[in-house]
Amino acid sequence: MSFDLIESWLEMKRQLPEIPIEGIGLRYLYPVFVLLIVIEYLKAKDLYDLKESLSGFVMGAGATIVKVVTGVFEVSVYLFLFHWAEPFRQAHFGYSSLGWAWYVWVIAFLADDHNFYWHHRIAHNVRLLWAAHLPHHSGRQFNLTVSIRNGWFINLFKPVYWLWMPLLGFEPIMIVTCMVANSFYQFFLHSQLVPSLGWFEKIFNTPYVHVVHHSSNTEYLDRNHGGILTIWDQLYGTWQEPIPGVKAKYGISHDPDSYDPVKHNLFEFQEIWQDVKRAPTWRAKLMYIFGPPGWSHDGSTKTSKQLQREMRDGRASEVPPPPKPVEAVRA
């Protein structure tokens, strides 16, 4: 008896419930996204490198294919956990599902954005995960095409941060709807043409704020990880407003110097392997995999926190000491 992997996947997909927001995106939002990219290009061609943009489209296409394939398993896991934990919820909490009330949607929206914040922050602080997220940051230009410039391996671990929600009783379709809506919102964050929106940025993410996150300036490293809301960064100490006079530098400090989308997706994994091979101890080997990007056993490279500490110490040393008080002349 032969096993048909593709047919098995299609059969699993047929058994999943419909997710309406995906159809809305395909029919209405994606055409708008393409139109906005064209308008931005015509308005500010200097913000575009066409080779890099083409590479970004290929990365986006690859990431979409991976998402379509893994998404079936992701939703299936959510459904399994939701129904598996249902007797426990009923026995201990008196409910089988949190339901579809408007306030449950609000809670799910906040929970989803909080999940995204921690997924995003940890992806910047664990090198193995950074290797999967890096393609989104490796573009040397910052424009709307960056929004679709996603890594091909990021979705292999991203859903882990959402697994608690179906266990608690959030409907799987509600969870996925919030996740997709969050992704749609973030498309608009990748532009330099939107000015500061003032008080709005104290609550919601905007392009003006998100520029900081995509900057490789030492002052801006590992800041502003929020998806829709900025309150998480403010709450957890990773908030940074754009600094007057500090011009954003895009891309990554250790650049693969290539337009090849495959190289951008494999580059950092290869670098990790090289570092692991030269590491003198098992602890160092593990740190090169699970430690923060930039960590090195010999200090040859530095993490963002080390670089920022050096910058603060340097600035502190440049401040002249206060003048000594003049002693009064005795009569």
Protein backbone atom coordinates (compact mmCIF):
# COMPACT_ATOMS: atom_id res chain seq x y z
CA MET A 1 0.00 0.00 0.00
CA SER A 2 1.57 3.29 -1.13
CA PHE A 3 1.40 6.52 0.82
CA ASP A 4 0.61 9.72 -1.10
CA LEU A 5 1.95 12.64 0.92
CA ILE A 6 0.29 15.33 -1.20
CA GLU A 7 -3.10 13.61 -1.18
CA SER A 8 -2.85 13.14 2.60
CA TRP A 9 -2.14 16.85 3.01
CA LEU A 10 -5.06 17.78 0.74
CA GLU A 11 -7.37 15.49 2.70
CA MET A 12 -6.29 17.13 5.96
CA LYS A 13 -6.90 20.56 4.42
CA ARG A 14 -10.39 19.57 3.26
CA GLN A 15 -11.30 18.64 6.82
CA LEU A 16 -10.38 22.05 8.24
CA PRO A 17 -13.07 24.69 8.75
CA GLU A 18 -13.06 27.74 6.48
CA ILE A 19 -11.17 30.81 7.71
CA PRO A 20 -13.08 33.79 6.23
CA ILE A 21 -10.31 36.37 6.73
CA GLU A 22 -8.04 34.46 4.33
CA GLY A 23 -10.59 34.86 1.54
CA ILE A 24 -10.98 38.55 2.35
CA GLY A 25 -7.23 39.02 2.10
CA LEU A 26 -6.98 37.20 -1.20
CA ARG A 27 -9.86 39.06 -2.86
CA TYR A 28 -9.48 42.56 -1.44
CA LEU A 29 -6.36 43.28 0.61
CA TYR A 30 -3.60 41.70 -1.48
CA PRO A 31 -4.51 43.76 -4.58
CA VAL A 32 -4.44 46.87 -2.38
CA PHE A 33 -1.00 45.91 -1.06
CA VAL A 34 0.36 45.54 -4.59
CA LEU A 35 -1.15 48.89 -5.59
CA LEU A 36 0.43 50.62 -2.58
CA ILE A 37 3.85 49.17 -3.45
CA VAL A 38 3.52 50.55 -6.99
CA ILE A 39 2.42 53.96 -5.70
CA GLU A 40 5.29 54.12 -3.20
CA TYR A 41 7.79 53.17 -5.91
CA LEU A 42 6.49 55.86 -8.29
CA LYS A 43 6.53 58.43 -5.50
CA ALA A 44 9.96 57.57 -4.04
CA LYS A 45 12.09 55.53 -6.43
CA ASP A 46 15.19 56.40 -4.40
CA LEU A 47 13.88 54.13 -1.63
CA TYR A 48 14.01 51.13 -3.93
CA ASP A 49 16.72 48.84 -5.22
CA LEU A 50 14.89 46.83 -7.88
CA LYS A 51 17.20 43.82 -7.57
CA GLU A 52 16.65 43.75 -3.83
CA SER A 53 12.91 44.20 -4.26
CA LEU A 54 12.78 41.30 -6.71
CA SER A 55 14.74 39.19 -4.25
CA GLY A 56 12.24 40.21 -1.56
CA PHE A 57 9.32 39.08 -3.74
CA VAL A 58 10.97 35.68 -4.22
CA MET A 59 11.50 35.41 -0.46
CA GLY A 60 7.87 36.36 0.10
CA ALA A 61 6.68 33.76 -2.41
CA GLY A 62 8.79 31.08 -0.73
CA ALA A 63 7.55 32.08 2.72
CA THR A 64 3.94 31.98 1.47
CA ILE A 65 4.38 28.45 0.11
CA VAL A 66 5.87 27.30 3.41
CA LYS A 67 3.03 28.98 5.31
CA VAL A 68 0.38 27.32 3.14
CA VAL A 69 1.93 23.91 3.77
CA THR A 70 2.61 24.31 7.49
CA GLY A 71 -0.60 26.27 8.13
CA VAL A 72 -2.68 23.14 7.68
CA PHE A 73 -0.74 21.39 10.42
CA GLU A 74 -0.81 24.52 12.59
CA VAL A 75 -4.60 24.84 12.51
CA SER A 76 -4.95 21.08 12.98
CA VAL A 77 -2.83 21.27 16.14
CA TYR A 78 -4.93 24.17 17.46
CA LEU A 79 -8.10 22.16 16.83
CA PHE A 80 -6.64 19.07 18.47
CA LEU A 81 -5.53 20.95 21.59
CA PHE A 82 -8.86 22.79 21.81
CA HIS A 83 -10.88 19.55 21.82
CA TRP A 84 -8.32 17.57 23.85
CA ALA A 85 -8.47 20.05 26.74
CA GLU A 86 -12.26 20.54 26.55
CA PRO A 87 -13.13 17.93 29.24
CA PHE A 88 -10.55 19.49 31.58
CA ARG A 89 -11.98 23.00 31.07
CA GLN A 90 -15.51 21.73 31.60
CA ALA A 91 -14.59 19.83 34.76
CA HIS A 92 -12.42 22.48 36.42
CA PHE A 93 -13.64 25.82 35.03
CA GLY A 94 -17.22 25.09 34.02
CA TYR A 95 -16.96 25.94 30.33
CA SER A 96 -15.98 24.13 27.16
CA SER A 97 -15.24 27.20 25.04
CA LEU A 98 -14.72 30.90 25.69
CA GLY A 99 -17.18 31.52 22.87
CA TRP A 100 -17.51 34.28 20.28
CA ALA A 101 -18.63 37.29 22.34
CA TRP A 102 -17.16 40.68 21.38
CA TYR A 103 -15.14 40.93 24.59
CA VAL A 104 -13.58 37.50 23.94
CA TRP A 105 -12.48 38.85 20.54
CA VAL A 106 -10.87 41.83 22.32
CA ILE A 107 -9.06 39.53 24.76
CA ALA A 108 -7.95 37.28 21.88
CA PHE A 109 -6.66 40.32 19.98
CA LEU A 110 -4.59 41.44 22.98
CA ALA A 111 -3.35 37.90 23.65
CA ASP A 112 -2.36 37.43 20.02
CA ASP A 113 -0.41 40.70 19.92
CA HIS A 114 1.28 39.83 23.22
CA ASN A 115 2.25 36.45 21.77
CA PHE A 116 3.67 38.17 18.71
CA TYR A 117 5.72 40.55 20.84
CA TRP A 118 7.44 37.69 22.68
CA HIS A 119 7.88 35.60 19.55
CA HIS A 120 9.48 38.61 17.86
CA ARG A 121 11.64 39.61 20.81
CA ILE A 122 12.96 36.09 21.40
CA ALA A 123 13.67 35.72 17.67
CA HIS A 124 16.03 38.69 18.06
CA ASN A 125 17.71 37.26 21.14
CA VAL A 126 18.24 33.57 20.35
CA ARG A 127 20.66 33.17 17.49
CA LEU A 128 19.11 30.01 16.00
CA LEU A 129 15.75 31.78 15.81
CA TRP A 130 17.41 34.97 14.56
CA ALA A 131 18.82 32.95 11.66
CA ALA A 132 15.24 32.19 10.59
CA HIS A 133 14.07 35.79 11.12
CA LEU A 134 17.14 37.50 9.61
CA PRO A 135 15.88 37.66 5.97
CA HIS A 136 13.22 40.13 7.06
CA HIS A 137 15.98 42.49 8.24
CA SER A 138 18.69 41.85 5.67
CA GLY A 139 17.32 44.27 3.08
CA ARG A 140 19.46 47.40 2.77
CA GLN A 141 16.46 49.48 1.68
CA PHE A 142 13.33 50.06 3.73
CA ASN A 143 10.07 50.14 1.80
CA LEU A 144 6.77 48.28 1.54
CA THR A 145 8.37 45.26 -0.13
CA VAL A 146 10.11 44.52 3.18
CA SER A 147 6.70 43.57 4.59
CA ILE A 148 6.65 40.45 2.40
CA ARG A 149 10.38 39.75 2.76
CA ASN A 150 10.02 36.92 5.26
CA GLY A 151 12.21 33.96 6.17
CA TRP A 152 11.31 30.50 4.95
CA PHE A 153 11.87 28.79 8.30
CA ILE A 154 10.21 31.22 10.73
CA ASN A 155 6.84 29.44 10.68
CA LEU A 156 8.41 26.18 11.80
CA PHE A 157 8.55 27.51 15.36
CA LYS A 158 6.39 30.65 15.48
CA PRO A 159 3.08 28.84 16.31
CA VAL A 160 4.57 27.52 19.57
CA TYR A 161 3.81 30.85 21.26
CA TRP A 162 0.08 30.49 20.50
CA LEU A 163 -0.44 26.90 21.76
CA TRP A 164 -1.74 28.00 25.16
CA MET A 165 -4.73 29.78 23.61
CA PRO A 166 -6.68 26.72 22.34
CA LEU A 167 -5.87 24.94 25.61
CA LEU A 168 -7.50 27.81 27.51
CA GLY A 169 -10.58 27.65 25.30
CA PHE A 170 -10.14 30.26 22.58
CA GLU A 171 -11.76 29.04 19.37
CA PRO A 172 -9.04 28.03 16.85
CA ILE A 173 -10.67 30.04 14.04
CA MET A 174 -10.62 33.11 16.29
CA ILE A 175 -6.92 32.57 17.03
CA VAL A 176 -5.99 32.25 13.36
CA THR A 177 -8.15 35.26 12.43
CA CYS A 178 -6.30 37.44 14.95
CA MET A 179 -2.94 36.19 13.68
CA VAL A 180 -3.80 36.94 10.05
CA ALA A 181 -5.25 40.37 10.93
CA ASN A 182 -2.04 41.17 12.81
CA SER A 183 0.00 40.28 9.72
CA PHE A 184 -2.21 42.45 7.51
CA TYR A 185 -1.75 45.44 9.82
CA GLN A 186 2.01 45.05 9.80
CA PHE A 187 2.17 45.45 6.02
CA PHE A 188 1.61 49.18 6.45
CA LEU A 189 4.49 49.54 8.92
CA HIS A 190 7.23 49.22 6.31
CA SER A 191 7.38 52.66 4.75
CA GLN A 192 9.43 55.81 5.21
CA LEU A 193 6.77 58.10 3.76
CA VAL A 194 4.53 58.26 6.82
CA PRO A 195 5.37 60.99 9.37
CA SER A 196 4.91 60.74 13.12
CA LEU A 197 1.28 60.32 14.14
CA GLY A 198 1.78 61.79 17.61
CA TRP A 199 -0.26 60.34 20.46
CA PHE A 200 -1.40 57.43 18.26
CA GLU A 201 2.11 55.94 18.57
CA LYS A 202 1.80 55.74 22.34
CA ILE A 203 -0.67 52.90 21.74
CA PHE A 204 -0.39 51.67 18.16
CA ASN A 205 2.58 50.77 15.99
CA THR A 206 3.24 53.03 13.00
CA PRO A 207 5.81 53.20 10.18
CA TYR A 208 7.56 56.11 11.93
CA VAL A 209 8.07 53.92 15.01
CA HIS A 210 8.82 50.70 13.12
CA VAL A 211 11.73 52.34 11.31
CA VAL A 212 13.60 52.07 14.62
CA HIS A 213 13.13 48.31 14.68
CA HIS A 214 14.62 47.89 11.21
CA SER A 215 17.61 50.13 11.89
CA SER A 216 21.04 48.65 12.56
CA ASN A 217 22.21 51.72 14.51
CA THR A 218 23.55 50.66 17.89
CA GLU A 219 21.01 52.90 19.65
CA TYR A 220 18.15 51.12 17.90
CA LEU A 221 19.17 47.46 18.12
CA ASP A 222 16.51 45.08 19.49
CA ARG A 223 13.88 47.76 20.08
CA ASN A 224 10.18 48.11 19.21
CA HIS A 225 9.20 44.47 18.75
CA GLY A 226 5.44 45.07 18.90
CA GLY A 227 3.09 44.06 16.11
CA ILE A 228 -0.02 46.24 16.37
CA LEU A 229 0.46 47.75 19.83
CA THR A 230 3.45 49.61 21.26
CA ILE A 231 2.33 49.12 24.86
CA TRP A 232 4.27 45.85 25.19
CA ASP A 233 7.58 47.52 24.37
CA GLN A 234 6.82 50.26 26.89
CA LEU A 235 5.82 47.68 29.50
CA TYR A 236 8.84 45.41 29.03
CA GLY A 237 11.52 48.05 28.51
CA THR A 238 12.22 47.70 24.76
CA TRP A 239 10.58 50.94 23.62
CA GLN A 240 12.63 53.47 21.69
CA GLU A 241 11.34 56.58 19.95
CA PRO A 242 13.24 57.82 16.89
CA ILE A 243 16.15 59.95 18.10
CA PRO A 244 16.47 63.39 16.46
CA GLY A 245 19.68 63.58 14.45
CA VAL A 246 20.22 59.80 14.31
CA LYS A 247 19.73 58.73 10.70
CA ALA A 248 18.55 55.15 10.38
CA LYS A 249 20.90 52.63 8.78
CA TYR A 250 19.02 49.67 7.30
CA GLY A 251 20.12 46.10 6.85
CA ILE A 252 22.20 43.98 9.21
CA SER A 253 25.73 44.56 10.47
CA HIS A 254 26.99 41.19 9.16
CA ASP A 255 25.69 41.35 5.61
CA PRO A 256 25.72 38.40 3.16
CA ASP A 257 26.38 40.89 0.33
CA SER A 258 24.10 39.12 -2.12
CA TYR A 259 20.70 39.38 -3.78
CA ASP A 260 20.29 35.60 -3.70
CA PRO A 261 17.15 34.78 -1.63
CA VAL A 262 18.44 31.29 -0.88
CA LYS A 263 21.67 32.69 0.54
CA HIS A 264 19.75 35.14 2.73
CA ASN A 265 17.72 32.27 4.19
CA LEU A 266 20.70 29.97 4.80
CA PHE A 267 23.44 32.51 5.52
CA GLU A 268 23.18 32.76 9.29
CA PHE A 269 22.67 29.01 9.76
CA GLN A 270 25.95 28.48 7.94
CA GLU A 271 27.62 31.11 10.13
CA ILE A 272 26.35 29.36 13.23
CA TRP A 273 27.81 26.06 12.02
CA GLN A 274 31.20 27.66 11.42
CA ASP A 275 31.19 29.23 14.89
CA VAL A 276 30.15 25.96 16.52
CA LYS A 277 33.04 24.12 14.83
CA ARG A 278 35.61 26.61 16.10
CA ALA A 279 34.18 26.92 19.62
CA PRO A 280 36.65 25.59 22.23
CA THR A 281 34.08 24.27 24.75
CA TRP A 282 30.64 22.70 24.76
CA ARG A 283 29.28 25.73 26.58
CA ALA A 284 30.60 27.99 23.83
CA LYS A 285 29.09 25.72 21.17
CA LEU A 286 25.67 25.95 22.81
CA MET A 287 25.99 29.70 23.23
CA TYR A 288 26.69 30.10 19.51
CA ILE A 289 23.38 28.31 18.86
CA PHE A 290 21.11 29.49 21.66
CA GLY A 291 22.88 32.60 22.92
CA PRO A 292 22.17 36.11 21.62
CA PRO A 293 23.37 37.10 18.14
CA GLY A 294 26.85 38.61 18.30
CA TRP A 295 27.99 36.58 21.29
CA SER A 296 31.53 35.23 20.96
CA HIS A 297 33.75 33.27 23.29
CA ASP A 298 36.76 35.50 22.57
CA GLY A 299 35.06 38.90 22.37
CA SER A 300 35.69 39.21 18.63
CA THR A 301 32.02 40.07 18.11
CA LYS A 302 29.56 41.62 20.54
CA THR A 303 25.86 41.41 21.34
CA SER A 304 23.53 44.37 21.02
CA LYS A 305 23.51 44.83 24.80
CA GLN A 306 27.32 44.88 24.92
CA LEU A 307 27.48 47.41 22.07
CA GLN A 308 24.89 49.63 23.73
CA ARG A 309 26.68 49.41 27.08
CA GLU A 310 29.94 50.44 25.42
CA MET A 311 28.16 53.36 23.75
CA ARG A 312 26.69 54.52 27.06
CA ASP A 313 30.03 54.18 28.84
CA GLY A 314 31.76 56.08 26.05
CA ARG A 315 29.31 58.92 26.18
CA ALA A 316 29.56 59.05 29.96
CA SER A 317 33.34 59.33 29.75
CA GLU A 318 33.00 62.24 27.31
CA VAL A 319 31.03 64.33 29.80
CA PRO A 320 33.45 66.72 31.56
CA PRO A 321 33.46 66.54 35.34
CA PRO A 322 31.64 69.34 37.15
CA PRO A 323 33.90 72.23 38.19
CA LYS A 324 35.21 72.15 41.72
CA PRO A 325 33.66 74.74 44.03
CA VAL A 326 35.83 77.80 44.55
CA GLU A 327 36.94 78.11 48.15
CA ALA A 328 36.09 81.39 49.83
CA VAL A 329 39.05 83.71 50.40
CA ARG A 330 39.68 84.04 54.07
CA ALA A 331 39.97 87.50 55.44
